[in-house]
C-alpha atoms as a PDB file:
ATOM      1  CA  UNK A   1       0.112   0.078   0.041  1.00  0.00           C
ATOM      2  CA  UNK A   2       1.223   3.193  -1.283  1.00  0.00           C
ATOM      3  CA  UNK A   3       0.721   6.937  -0.612  1.00  0.00           C
ATOM      4  CA  UNK A   4      -0.185   9.096  -3.567  1.00  0.00           C
ATOM      5  CA  UNK A   5       0.765  12.537  -3.620  1.00  0.00           C
ATOM      6  CA  UNK A   6      -1.015  14.676  -6.369  1.00  0.00           C
ATOM      7  CA  UNK A   7      -0.131  17.866  -7.164  1.00  0.00           C
ATOM      8  CA  UNK A   8      -2.768  20.189  -6.952  1.00  0.00           C
ATOM      9  CA  UNK A   9      -1.963  22.692 -10.280  1.00  0.00           C
ATOM     10  CA  UNK A  10      -1.276  18.985 -12.319  1.00  0.00           C
ATOM     11  CA  UNK A  11      -4.502  17.812 -10.935  1.00  0.00           C
ATOM     12  CA  UNK A  12      -6.400  21.483 -12.018  1.00  0.00           C
ATOM     13  CA  UNK A  13      -4.396  21.337 -15.310  1.00  0.00           C
ATOM     14  CA  UNK A  14      -6.234  17.984 -16.285  1.00  0.00           C
ATOM     15  CA  UNK A  15      -9.464  18.829 -14.796  1.00  0.00           C
ATOM     16  CA  UNK A  16     -12.051  19.265 -17.471  1.00  0.00           C
ATOM     17  CA  UNK A  17     -13.419  22.409 -15.117  1.00  0.00           C
ATOM     18  CA  UNK A  18     -10.316  23.949 -15.231  1.00  0.00           C
ATOM     19  CA  UNK A  19     -11.791  27.239 -16.804  1.00  0.00           C
ATOM     20  CA  UNK A  20     -14.731  27.838 -14.469  1.00  0.00           C
ATOM     21  CA  UNK A  21     -12.051  27.548 -11.450  1.00  0.00           C
ATOM     22  CA  UNK A  22      -9.902  29.989 -12.809  1.00  0.00           C
ATOM     23  CA  UNK A  23     -13.575  32.314 -13.432  1.00  0.00           C
ATOM     24  CA  UNK A  24     -13.899  31.717  -9.541  1.00  0.00           C
ATOM     25  CA  UNK A  25     -10.635  32.735  -8.874  1.00  0.00           C
ATOM     26  CA  UNK A  26     -11.098  35.886 -10.809  1.00  0.00           C
ATOM     27  CA  UNK A  27     -14.304  36.508  -8.915  1.00  0.00           C
ATOM     28  CA  UNK A  28     -12.630  36.013  -5.810  1.00  0.00           C
ATOM     29  CA  UNK A  29      -9.745  38.270  -6.540  1.00  0.00           C
ATOM     30  CA  UNK A  30     -12.486  40.980  -7.954  1.00  0.00           C
ATOM     31  CA  UNK A  31     -14.661  40.451  -4.478  1.00  0.00           C
ATOM     32  CA  UNK A  32     -11.606  41.006  -2.035  1.00  0.00           C
ATOM     33  CA  UNK A  33     -10.896  44.253  -4.667  1.00  0.00           C
ATOM     34  CA  UNK A  34     -14.086  45.531  -4.105  1.00  0.00           C
ATOM     35  CA  UNK A  35     -13.839  45.222  -0.443  1.00  0.00           C
ATOM     36  CA  UNK A  36     -10.618  47.199  -0.227  1.00  0.00           C
ATOM     37  CA  UNK A  37     -11.731  49.711  -2.274  1.00  0.00           C
ATOM     38  CA  UNK A  38     -15.134  50.013   0.131  1.00  0.00           C
ATOM     39  CA  UNK A  39     -13.129  50.018   3.205  1.00  0.00           C
ATOM     40  CA  UNK A  40     -10.682  52.755   2.016  1.00  0.00           C
ATOM     41  CA  UNK A  41     -14.110  54.903   0.390  1.00  0.00           C
ATOM     42  CA  UNK A  42     -16.140  54.716   3.191  1.00  0.00           C
ATOM     43  CA  UNK A  43     -13.466  54.731   5.792  1.00  0.00           C
ATOM     44  CA  UNK A  44     -16.056  57.246   8.097  1.00  0.00           C
ATOM     45  CA  UNK A  45     -17.965  54.581   8.361  1.00  0.00           C
ATOM     46  CA  UNK A  46     -15.598  51.898   9.781  1.00  0.00           C
ATOM     47  CA  UNK A  47     -13.411  54.642  11.867  1.00  0.00           C
ATOM     48  CA  UNK A  48     -16.619  56.293  12.990  1.00  0.00           C
ATOM     49  CA  UNK A  49     -17.833  59.732  12.239  1.00  0.00           C
ATOM     50  CA  UNK A  50     -18.185  62.452  14.322  1.00  0.00           C
ATOM     51  CA  UNK A  51     -21.435  63.602  16.368  1.00  0.00           C
ATOM     52  CA  UNK A  52     -22.369  65.073  19.500  1.00  0.00           C
ATOM     53  CA  UNK A  53     -20.929  68.658  21.106  1.00  0.00           C
ATOM     54  CA  UNK A  54     -16.839  68.771  21.056  1.00  0.00           C
ATOM     55  CA  UNK A  55     -15.060  71.199  23.098  1.00  0.00           C
ATOM     56  CA  UNK A  56     -12.263  73.217  21.808  1.00  0.00           C
ATOM     57  CA  UNK A  57      -9.647  73.503  23.734  1.00  0.00           C
ATOM     58  CA  UNK A  58     -11.038  70.363  25.492  1.00  0.00           C
ATOM     59  CA  UNK A  59     -11.562  67.412  23.063  1.00  0.00           C
ATOM     60  CA  UNK A  60      -9.763  69.313  20.207  1.00  0.00           C
ATOM     61  CA  UNK A  61      -6.799  71.725  20.925  1.00  0.00           C
ATOM     62  CA  UNK A  62      -7.526  74.028  18.286  1.00  0.00           C
ATOM     63  CA  UNK A  63     -10.111  74.548  15.471  1.00  0.00           C
ATOM     64  CA  UNK A  64      -7.663  73.190  12.935  1.00  0.00           C
ATOM     65  CA  UNK A  65      -7.515  70.182  14.326  1.00  0.00           C
ATOM     66  CA  UNK A  66     -11.452  70.144  14.804  1.00  0.00           C
ATOM     67  CA  UNK A  67     -11.814  70.829  10.955  1.00  0.00           C
ATOM     68  CA  UNK A  68      -8.812  68.194  10.037  1.00  0.00           C
ATOM     69  CA  UNK A  69     -11.025  65.362  12.061  1.00  0.00           C
ATOM     70  CA  UNK A  70     -14.402  66.028  10.807  1.00  0.00           C
ATOM     71  CA  UNK A  71     -12.957  66.158   7.172  1.00  0.00           C
ATOM     72  CA  UNK A  72     -11.558  62.680   7.591  1.00  0.00           C
ATOM     73  CA  UNK A  73     -14.209  61.195   9.413  1.00  0.00           C
ATOM     74  CA  UNK A  74     -17.358  63.533   8.835  1.00  0.00           C
ATOM     75  CA  UNK A  75     -20.738  64.104  10.311  1.00  0.00           C
ATOM     76  CA  UNK A  76     -22.351  61.595  12.377  1.00  0.00           C
ATOM     77  CA  UNK A  77     -26.223  61.289  13.405  1.00  0.00           C
ATOM     78  CA  UNK A  78     -27.764  64.413  14.614  1.00  0.00           C
ATOM     79  CA  UNK A  79     -24.697  66.510  13.842  1.00  0.00           C
ATOM     80  CA  UNK A  80     -21.710  68.229  15.610  1.00  0.00           C
ATOM     81  CA  UNK A  81     -21.431  71.431  17.721  1.00  0.00           C
ATOM     82  CA  UNK A  82     -17.807  72.489  18.467  1.00  0.00           C
ATOM     83  CA  UNK A  83     -18.354  75.135  21.574  1.00  0.00           C
ATOM     84  CA  UNK A  84     -15.063  77.363  21.315  1.00  0.00           C
ATOM     85  CA  UNK A  85     -14.237  78.447  24.877  1.00  0.00           C
ATOM     86  CA  UNK A  86     -14.474  82.400  25.363  1.00  0.00           C
ATOM     87  CA  UNK A  87     -11.070  84.424  25.185  1.00  0.00           C
ATOM     88  CA  UNK A  88      -9.907  81.529  23.322  1.00  0.00           C
ATOM     89  CA  UNK A  89      -7.075  82.995  20.785  1.00  0.00           C
ATOM     90  CA  UNK A  90      -5.869  80.801  17.555  1.00  0.00           C
ATOM     91  CA  UNK A  91      -3.207  82.036  15.006  1.00  0.00           C
ATOM     92  CA  UNK A  92      -3.747  79.399  11.868  1.00  0.00           C
ATOM     93  CA  UNK A  93      -0.706  78.714   9.916  1.00  0.00           C
ATOM     94  CA  UNK A  94      -3.005  78.120   6.862  1.00  0.00           C
ATOM     95  CA  UNK A  95      -6.260  78.576   5.472  1.00  0.00           C
ATOM     96  CA  UNK A  96      -8.928  76.203   7.440  1.00  0.00           C
ATOM     97  CA  UNK A  97     -10.483  74.262   4.466  1.00  0.00           C
ATOM     98  CA  UNK A  98     -13.698  72.213   5.627  1.00  0.00           C
ATOM     99  CA  UNK A  99     -14.512  69.907   3.349  1.00  0.00           C
ATOM    100  CA  UNK A 100     -16.936  67.762   5.055  1.00  0.00           C
ATOM    101  CA  UNK A 101     -20.811  68.348   4.800  1.00  0.00           C
ATOM    102  CA  UNK A 102     -23.775  68.350   7.210  1.00  0.00           C
ATOM    103  CA  UNK A 103     -27.688  67.536   6.241  1.00  0.00           C
ATOM    104  CA  UNK A 104     -30.459  69.091   7.654  1.00  0.00           C
ATOM    105  CA  UNK A 105     -30.638  66.664  10.469  1.00  0.00           C
ATOM    106  CA  UNK A 106     -27.043  66.522  10.748  1.00  0.00           C
ATOM    107  CA  UNK A 107     -25.543  70.052  10.984  1.00  0.00           C
ATOM    108  CA  UNK A 108     -22.049  71.179  11.854  1.00  0.00           C
ATOM    109  CA  UNK A 109     -21.633  74.195  14.031  1.00  0.00           C
ATOM    110  CA  UNK A 110     -18.857  76.144  15.294  1.00  0.00           C
ATOM    111  CA  UNK A 111     -19.863  78.369  18.216  1.00  0.00           C
ATOM    112  CA  UNK A 112     -18.805  80.307  21.006  1.00  0.00           C
ATOM    113  CA  UNK A 113     -19.164  78.416  24.323  1.00  0.00           C
ATOM    114  CA  UNK A 114     -22.898  79.760  25.395  1.00  0.00           C
ATOM    115  CA  UNK A 115     -21.328  78.400  28.742  1.00  0.00           C
ATOM    116  CA  UNK A 116     -18.286  80.871  29.340  1.00  0.00           C
ATOM    117  CA  UNK A 117     -18.104  84.235  29.614  1.00  0.00           C
ATOM    118  CA  UNK A 118     -15.872  86.560  27.683  1.00  0.00           C
ATOM    119  CA  UNK A 119     -14.390  87.895  24.485  1.00  0.00           C
ATOM    120  CA  UNK A 120     -15.578  86.040  21.387  1.00  0.00           C
ATOM    121  CA  UNK A 121     -13.066  83.080  20.405  1.00  0.00           C
ATOM    122  CA  UNK A 122     -10.774  85.075  17.566  1.00  0.00           C
ATOM    123  CA  UNK A 123      -8.934  83.659  14.777  1.00  0.00           C
ATOM    124  CA  UNK A 124      -5.998  85.562  13.289  1.00  0.00           C
ATOM    125  CA  UNK A 125      -4.415  84.574   9.857  1.00  0.00           C
ATOM    126  CA  UNK A 126      -1.489  83.586   9.137  1.00  0.00           C
ATOM    127  CA  UNK A 127       1.832  86.021   7.768  1.00  0.00           C
ATOM    128  CA  UNK A 128       2.455  83.589   4.498  1.00  0.00           C
ATOM    129  CA  UNK A 129      -0.343  84.951   2.279  1.00  0.00           C
ATOM    130  CA  UNK A 130       0.172  84.634  -1.538  1.00  0.00           C
ATOM    131  CA  UNK A 131      -2.560  85.273  -3.738  1.00  0.00           C
ATOM    132  CA  UNK A 132      -4.335  88.219  -4.124  1.00  0.00           C
ATOM    133  CA  UNK A 133      -7.841  89.563  -5.253  1.00  0.00           C
ATOM    134  CA  UNK A 134      -7.053  88.562  -8.895  1.00  0.00           C
ATOM    135  CA  UNK A 135      -5.324  85.154  -8.444  1.00  0.00           C
ATOM    136  CA  UNK A 136      -7.517  81.976  -9.254  1.00  0.00           C
ATOM    137  CA  UNK A 137      -6.976  81.120  -5.302  1.00  0.00           C
ATOM    138  CA  UNK A 138      -6.957  83.762  -2.742  1.00  0.00           C
ATOM    139  CA  UNK A 139      -5.622  83.917   0.604  1.00  0.00           C
ATOM    140  CA  UNK A 140      -8.412  83.691   3.351  1.00  0.00           C
ATOM    141  CA  UNK A 141      -8.913  82.391   6.548  1.00  0.00           C
ATOM    142  CA  UNK A 142     -12.441  79.699   6.419  1.00  0.00           C
ATOM    143  CA  UNK A 143     -13.072  78.193   3.341  1.00  0.00           C
ATOM    144  CA  UNK A 144     -15.956  75.978   3.047  1.00  0.00           C
ATOM    145  CA  UNK A 145     -15.489  73.611  -0.121  1.00  0.00           C
ATOM    146  CA  UNK A 146     -18.775  72.521  -1.066  1.00  0.00           C
ATOM    147  CA  UNK A 147     -19.843  72.265   2.493  1.00  0.00           C
ATOM    148  CA  UNK A 148     -23.315  72.403   3.197  1.00  0.00           C
ATOM    149  CA  UNK A 149     -25.411  72.997   6.669  1.00  0.00           C
ATOM    150  CA  UNK A 150     -22.595  74.660   8.602  1.00  0.00           C
ATOM    151  CA  UNK A 151     -23.063  77.389  10.888  1.00  0.00           C
ATOM    152  CA  UNK A 152     -20.083  79.876  12.215  1.00  0.00           C
ATOM    153  CA  UNK A 153     -21.420  81.831  15.204  1.00  0.00           C
ATOM    154  CA  UNK A 154     -19.605  83.970  17.454  1.00  0.00           C
ATOM    155  CA  UNK A 155     -16.188  83.391  16.478  1.00  0.00           C
ATOM    156  CA  UNK A 156     -14.309  86.082  15.410  1.00  0.00           C
ATOM    157  CA  UNK A 157     -11.357  86.659  12.677  1.00  0.00           C
ATOM    158  CA  UNK A 158      -8.989  88.913  11.994  1.00  0.00           C
ATOM    159  CA  UNK A 159      -6.281  89.429   9.723  1.00  0.00           C
ATOM    160  CA  UNK A 160      -2.717  89.186  10.977  1.00  0.00           C
ATOM    161  CA  UNK A 161      -1.392  92.663  12.028  1.00  0.00           C
ATOM    162  CA  UNK A 162       2.081  91.785  10.458  1.00  0.00           C
ATOM    163  CA  UNK A 163       0.420  91.551   6.990  1.00  0.00           C
ATOM    164  CA  UNK A 164       0.598  95.218   6.241  1.00  0.00           C
ATOM    165  CA  UNK A 165       0.783  94.968   2.441  1.00  0.00           C
ATOM    166  CA  UNK A 166      -0.688  92.846  -0.607  1.00  0.00           C
ATOM    167  CA  UNK A 167      -0.040  89.887  -1.148  1.00  0.00           C
ATOM    168  CA  UNK A 168       0.507  88.977   2.740  1.00  0.00           C
ATOM    169  CA  UNK A 169      -3.047  90.604   3.645  1.00  0.00           C
ATOM    170  CA  UNK A 170      -5.674  88.174   3.145  1.00  0.00           C
ATOM    171  CA  UNK A 171      -7.941  88.677   0.354  1.00  0.00           C
ATOM    172  CA  UNK A 172     -10.974  86.663   2.240  1.00  0.00           C
ATOM    173  CA  UNK A 173     -12.044  85.882   5.384  1.00  0.00           C
ATOM    174  CA  UNK A 174     -14.660  83.384   4.387  1.00  0.00           C
ATOM    175  CA  UNK A 175     -14.385  81.527   1.006  1.00  0.00           C
ATOM    176  CA  UNK A 176     -17.449  79.096  -0.133  1.00  0.00           C
ATOM    177  CA  UNK A 177     -16.480  76.907  -3.016  1.00  0.00           C
ATOM    178  CA  UNK A 178     -19.234  74.505  -4.940  1.00  0.00           C
ATOM    179  CA  UNK A 179     -17.613  71.397  -5.375  1.00  0.00           C
ATOM    180  CA  UNK A 180     -19.697  70.343  -7.995  1.00  0.00           C
ATOM    181  CA  UNK A 181     -20.789  72.680 -11.156  1.00  0.00           C
ATOM    182  CA  UNK A 182     -24.472  72.071  -9.983  1.00  0.00           C
ATOM    183  CA  UNK A 183     -23.651  72.555  -6.357  1.00  0.00           C
ATOM    184  CA  UNK A 184     -24.729  76.013  -5.149  1.00  0.00           C
ATOM    185  CA  UNK A 185     -23.160  77.626  -1.434  1.00  0.00           C
ATOM    186  CA  UNK A 186     -26.356  79.606   0.168  1.00  0.00           C
ATOM    187  CA  UNK A 187     -24.917  82.501   3.126  1.00  0.00           C
END
């Protein structure tokens, strides 16, 4: 009594259903690719969207870091409110660019924390501006790119006192950009 070892590739080559097996291998490879792409495209679902009330400083060290978080994770059920402490100041190093969007049911709100008293939070512009009113993309402090249902309330913005001449001066405080041709921005 001997042991017979059959090499799988030789067996498949001689098997009449070789084409069907190769088709199944291709289907499985395609399914793996679809799963990987889905995980990359829908990372906000996998990583968890941001919702509820968050505090700056506190949950986020800065408005800039809060915007980066909501841009990468998305807005969860019920929306997100960022309460920014009174007397909070932030000097940004580049434009704050919000690309996340809210909905009627899930708005994005940046507001002065109603439980604190004092001066409105203040965002001061960066000093490395290169745009002018005539350039395609102007410098600014806040840029809303294809974003809807965004509220910014009780947060002051100002140009940096060191910006005294063009092009270092800010062209815009708020800049709303439609993301696609049919999308509009309401202010």
